[in-house]
Amino acid sequence: MASTQATKPTPGAGKTILVLDDEADVRKLVAAMLASNGYQVVTADNGDNAIKAFRKSKHPIDLLLLDVVSPGLSGPMVADRIAEIQPGLRVLFMSGYDNTNVVQRYVVEKGYALLPKPFTMEQLSRKVREVLEATRKPVPKND
């Protein structure tokens, strides 16, 4: 006998997120948290690899989840480079340094969303949904 109860849709079904974090443990944990919510996850350990992963992804990327501070290209630099390829792509930055000049100048003042580290699975899930569901804003201009 088939169940008549409707199944609740998985929040991330059909969405792909590119995660950039140079700390392997953080990157793996964030990827696992997102995957448990139904998202496809592509990961990178530095800015250059994030751009390569974006170009090679088998699924269209719906959201960039980028650590602000990263070896080589910083998270904001990666966002700017990928915006040249796919304007309007949603971006969520994460940082353990949410009050630094870099975060304020390149993230907050440009209108990007920020998730301060450390965060819980619930905080990550809520912020990702918020950014994915938000009305698209114009791409911030480079100063």
Protein backbone atom coordinates (compact mmCIF):
# COMPACT_ATOMS: atom_id res chain seq x y z
CA MET A 1 0.00 0.00 0.00
CA ALA A 2 1.43 3.35 -1.03
CA SER A 3 1.72 6.12 1.51
CA THR A 4 -0.61 9.05 0.95
CA GLN A 5 1.54 11.35 3.04
CA ALA A 6 3.39 13.92 0.89
CA THR A 7 7.14 13.90 1.29
CA LYS A 8 8.76 17.17 2.25
CA PRO A 9 11.06 18.40 -0.52
CA THR A 10 14.76 18.50 0.30
CA PRO A 11 15.87 22.15 0.63
CA GLY A 12 18.86 21.81 -1.68
CA ALA A 13 17.38 19.53 -4.30
CA GLY A 14 18.70 20.49 -7.70
CA LYS A 15 21.07 23.19 -6.40
CA THR A 16 24.86 23.12 -6.61
CA ILE A 17 27.18 25.05 -4.31
CA LEU A 18 30.88 25.72 -4.80
CA VAL A 19 32.67 25.81 -1.43
CA LEU A 20 36.07 27.48 -1.09
CA ASP A 21 37.99 27.06 2.16
CA ASP A 22 41.72 26.42 2.53
CA GLU A 23 41.26 24.47 5.77
CA ALA A 24 40.53 20.85 4.76
CA ASP A 25 38.55 20.00 7.91
CA VAL A 26 36.33 23.06 7.55
CA ARG A 27 35.84 22.44 3.82
CA LYS A 28 34.86 18.79 4.38
CA LEU A 29 32.53 19.63 7.26
CA VAL A 30 30.75 22.40 5.33
CA ALA A 31 30.44 20.13 2.28
CA ALA A 32 28.95 17.35 4.43
CA MET A 33 26.51 19.76 6.07
CA LEU A 34 25.33 21.03 2.69
CA ALA A 35 25.12 17.53 1.18
CA SER A 36 22.96 16.40 4.11
CA ASN A 37 20.50 19.11 3.06
CA GLY A 38 20.39 17.80 -0.50
CA TYR A 39 22.81 20.17 -2.20
CA GLN A 40 25.36 19.04 -4.76
CA VAL A 41 28.73 20.32 -3.55
CA VAL A 42 31.91 21.18 -5.43
CA THR A 43 34.92 22.05 -3.27
CA ALA A 44 38.19 23.93 -3.71
CA ASP A 45 41.15 24.59 -1.42
CA ASN A 46 42.30 27.90 -2.95
CA GLY A 47 41.06 30.65 -5.23
CA ASP A 48 42.66 29.37 -8.43
CA ASN A 49 41.23 25.90 -7.87
CA ALA A 50 37.80 27.42 -7.16
CA ILE A 51 37.77 29.07 -10.58
CA LYS A 52 38.93 25.84 -12.23
CA ALA A 53 36.26 23.86 -10.36
CA PHE A 54 33.61 26.37 -11.42
CA ARG A 55 34.60 26.01 -15.08
CA LYS A 56 34.75 22.18 -14.90
CA SER A 57 31.61 21.57 -12.83
CA LYS A 58 29.21 19.07 -14.38
CA HIS A 59 26.31 20.93 -12.76
CA PRO A 60 25.58 24.66 -13.07
CA ILE A 61 26.73 26.42 -9.90
CA ASP A 62 23.88 28.17 -8.05
CA LEU A 63 25.87 29.64 -5.17
CA LEU A 64 29.46 30.45 -4.29
CA LEU A 65 30.24 29.87 -0.60
CA LEU A 66 33.66 31.46 -0.23
CA ASP A 67 36.01 31.98 2.67
CA VAL A 68 37.09 35.64 2.57
CA VAL A 69 40.73 34.85 3.32
CA SER A 70 42.22 32.26 0.99
CA PRO A 71 45.72 31.52 -0.33
CA GLY A 72 46.39 33.13 -3.70
CA LEU A 73 43.13 34.68 -4.83
CA SER A 74 40.95 35.81 -1.93
CA GLY A 75 37.25 34.97 -1.77
CA PRO A 76 36.25 38.46 -3.04
CA MET A 77 38.73 38.15 -5.94
CA VAL A 78 37.25 34.76 -6.85
CA ALA A 79 33.73 36.23 -6.75
CA ASP A 80 34.81 39.07 -9.05
CA ARG A 81 36.47 36.69 -11.54
CA ILE A 82 33.51 34.31 -11.62
CA ALA A 83 31.09 37.26 -11.98
CA GLU A 84 32.84 37.98 -15.29
CA ILE A 85 31.94 34.44 -16.42
CA GLN A 86 28.45 34.26 -14.88
CA PRO A 87 27.07 37.66 -13.85
CA GLY A 88 24.39 37.58 -11.17
CA LEU A 89 25.62 34.40 -9.50
CA ARG A 90 24.73 34.39 -5.83
CA VAL A 91 27.60 34.67 -3.35
CA LEU A 92 27.82 33.98 0.38
CA PHE A 93 31.07 34.73 2.17
CA MET A 94 32.19 33.09 5.38
CA SER A 95 34.90 34.40 7.67
CA GLY A 96 36.29 34.07 11.14
CA TYR A 97 37.35 37.69 10.86
CA ASP A 98 34.03 39.45 10.36
CA ASN A 99 35.14 42.88 11.62
CA THR A 100 38.33 43.30 9.63
CA ASN A 101 38.82 46.01 7.01
CA VAL A 102 38.98 43.40 4.24
CA VAL A 103 35.61 41.93 5.21
CA GLN A 104 34.01 45.35 5.62
CA ARG A 105 35.43 46.80 2.39
CA TYR A 106 35.04 43.86 0.03
CA VAL A 107 32.04 42.04 1.46
CA VAL A 108 29.73 44.09 3.65
CA GLU A 109 30.06 47.44 1.81
CA LYS A 110 29.45 45.73 -1.55
CA GLY A 111 26.25 44.18 -0.26
CA TYR A 112 27.30 40.54 -0.18
CA ALA A 113 25.95 38.19 2.49
CA LEU A 114 28.33 37.14 5.27
CA LEU A 115 28.23 34.11 7.54
CA PRO A 116 30.61 34.57 10.51
CA LYS A 117 32.61 31.53 11.62
CA PRO A 118 32.09 29.46 13.63
CA PHE A 119 28.52 28.58 12.65
CA THR A 120 26.09 25.76 13.29
CA MET A 121 24.47 23.56 10.68
CA GLU A 122 21.20 25.42 11.25
CA GLN A 123 22.87 28.81 10.74
CA LEU A 124 24.55 27.59 7.54
CA SER A 125 21.33 26.07 6.20
CA ARG A 126 19.30 29.19 6.98
CA LYS A 127 21.83 31.59 5.43
CA VAL A 128 22.25 29.48 2.28
CA ARG A 129 18.47 29.32 1.79
CA GLU A 130 18.20 33.07 2.44
CA VAL A 131 20.80 33.89 -0.20
CA LEU A 132 19.42 31.43 -2.77
CA GLU A 133 15.86 32.69 -2.30
CA ALA A 134 16.69 36.41 -2.20
CA THR A 135 15.67 38.66 -5.04
CA ARG A 136 18.65 39.12 -7.29
CA LYS A 137 20.47 42.39 -6.81
CA PRO A 138 22.73 44.07 -9.35
CA VAL A 139 26.28 42.73 -9.35
CA PRO A 140 28.42 44.95 -7.08
CA LYS A 141 30.76 47.17 -9.06
CA ASN A 142 34.51 46.98 -8.59
CA ASP A 143 35.97 50.16 -7.14
